[in-house]
Amino acid sequence: MKKYMKIVLVTALLLAGANVFAQNYKFGHINTNELFALMPERDSAQQILQNFAKELEDQLETMRVELNNKYNDYINEQENLTDLIKQTKEQEINDLD
């Protein structure tokens, strides 16, 4: 009888434990593009980003003009420069590039 009670008790505990671990997990999906589009700060953040991109493009264009001017000056004066000055100007142009 004791053996029978132990088997019933162990079986009951195992079944009760199985119910605890048999939870239904729910998974969801969120469309982040749609979520970001609905955020009120999106427009101001986008404007700040566009302004920053424009500043970087302007800086890049200024640097390109400076590099081209120095390169053209070097080409025009190349014949009249000493070797040391040529190397210095070439190094400067390479550093800017």
Protein backbone atom coordinates (compact mmCIF):
# COMPACT_ATOMS: atom_id res chain seq x y z
CA MET A 1 0.00 0.00 0.00
CA LYS A 2 2.83 2.39 0.82
CA LYS A 3 4.42 1.60 -2.51
CA TYR A 4 1.16 2.30 -4.31
CA MET A 5 0.77 5.67 -2.51
CA LYS A 6 4.35 6.67 -3.41
CA ILE A 7 3.71 5.90 -7.09
CA VAL A 8 0.47 7.95 -7.07
CA LEU A 9 2.19 10.84 -5.28
CA VAL A 10 5.18 10.86 -7.64
CA THR A 11 2.88 10.67 -10.67
CA ALA A 12 0.75 13.54 -9.37
CA LEU A 13 3.83 15.69 -8.74
CA LEU A 14 5.20 14.97 -12.22
CA LEU A 15 1.91 15.86 -13.89
CA ALA A 16 1.57 19.04 -11.83
CA GLY A 17 5.12 20.04 -12.74
CA ALA A 18 4.47 19.43 -16.41
CA ASN A 19 1.55 21.87 -16.34
CA VAL A 20 3.75 24.59 -14.89
CA PHE A 21 6.26 24.31 -17.73
CA ALA A 22 3.67 23.95 -20.49
CA GLN A 23 3.02 27.70 -20.85
CA ASN A 24 2.01 29.14 -24.17
CA TYR A 25 4.56 31.59 -25.43
CA LYS A 26 3.33 34.41 -27.61
CA PHE A 27 5.56 36.06 -30.15
CA GLY A 28 4.86 39.37 -31.79
CA HIS A 29 6.16 41.35 -34.73
CA ILE A 30 6.63 45.09 -34.94
CA ASN A 31 7.24 47.11 -38.07
CA THR A 32 9.96 49.52 -36.95
CA ASN A 33 9.65 51.68 -40.07
CA GLU A 34 5.99 52.27 -39.34
CA LEU A 35 6.73 52.92 -35.68
CA PHE A 36 9.42 55.50 -36.51
CA ALA A 37 7.09 57.18 -39.02
CA LEU A 38 4.50 57.68 -36.26
CA MET A 39 6.93 59.27 -33.79
CA PRO A 40 6.40 63.04 -33.41
CA GLU A 41 10.16 63.75 -33.11
CA ARG A 42 10.85 62.13 -36.47
CA ASP A 43 10.47 65.30 -38.55
CA SER A 44 12.80 67.41 -36.42
CA ALA A 45 15.38 64.60 -36.25
CA GLN A 46 15.23 64.15 -40.00
CA GLN A 47 15.72 67.90 -40.54
CA ILE A 48 18.73 67.92 -38.20
CA LEU A 49 20.19 64.95 -40.07
CA GLN A 50 19.70 66.65 -43.44
CA ASN A 51 21.34 69.85 -42.18
CA PHE A 52 24.30 67.89 -40.86
CA ALA A 53 24.66 66.00 -44.16
CA LYS A 54 24.59 69.32 -46.05
CA GLU A 55 27.33 70.73 -43.80
CA LEU A 56 29.51 67.68 -44.41
CA GLU A 57 28.97 67.91 -48.17
CA ASP A 58 29.93 71.60 -48.10
CA GLN A 59 33.09 70.79 -46.13
CA LEU A 60 33.97 68.05 -48.59
CA GLU A 61 33.49 70.38 -51.55
CA THR A 62 35.69 73.02 -49.89
CA MET A 63 38.39 70.43 -49.28
CA ARG A 64 38.18 69.26 -52.91
CA VAL A 65 38.58 72.81 -54.19
CA GLU A 66 41.56 73.37 -51.88
CA LEU A 67 43.19 70.13 -53.02
CA ASN A 68 42.66 70.93 -56.70
CA ASN A 69 44.05 74.45 -56.26
CA LYS A 70 47.17 73.18 -54.51
CA TYR A 71 47.65 70.47 -57.11
CA ASN A 72 47.30 72.95 -59.99
CA ASP A 73 49.71 75.39 -58.30
CA TYR A 74 52.19 72.55 -57.84
CA ILE A 75 51.93 71.52 -61.50
CA ASN A 76 52.42 75.10 -62.68
CA GLU A 77 55.43 75.77 -60.41
CA GLN A 78 56.98 72.31 -60.56
CA GLU A 79 59.80 73.26 -62.94
CA ASN A 80 60.97 76.18 -60.78
CA LEU A 81 61.00 74.36 -57.42
CA THR A 82 63.91 72.65 -55.70
CA ASP A 83 63.73 68.96 -54.86
CA LEU A 84 63.13 69.58 -51.15
CA ILE A 85 60.25 71.98 -51.82
CA LYS A 86 58.81 69.55 -54.38
CA GLN A 87 58.85 66.73 -51.83
CA THR A 88 57.26 68.98 -49.22
CA LYS A 89 54.47 70.08 -51.56
CA GLU A 90 53.92 66.51 -52.78
CA GLN A 91 53.64 65.34 -49.17
CA GLU A 92 51.20 68.15 -48.41
CA ILE A 93 49.05 67.21 -51.42
CA ASN A 94 49.14 63.52 -50.44
CA ASP A 95 48.12 64.40 -46.88
CA LEU A 96 45.19 66.47 -48.15
CA ASP A 97 44.17 63.68 -50.50
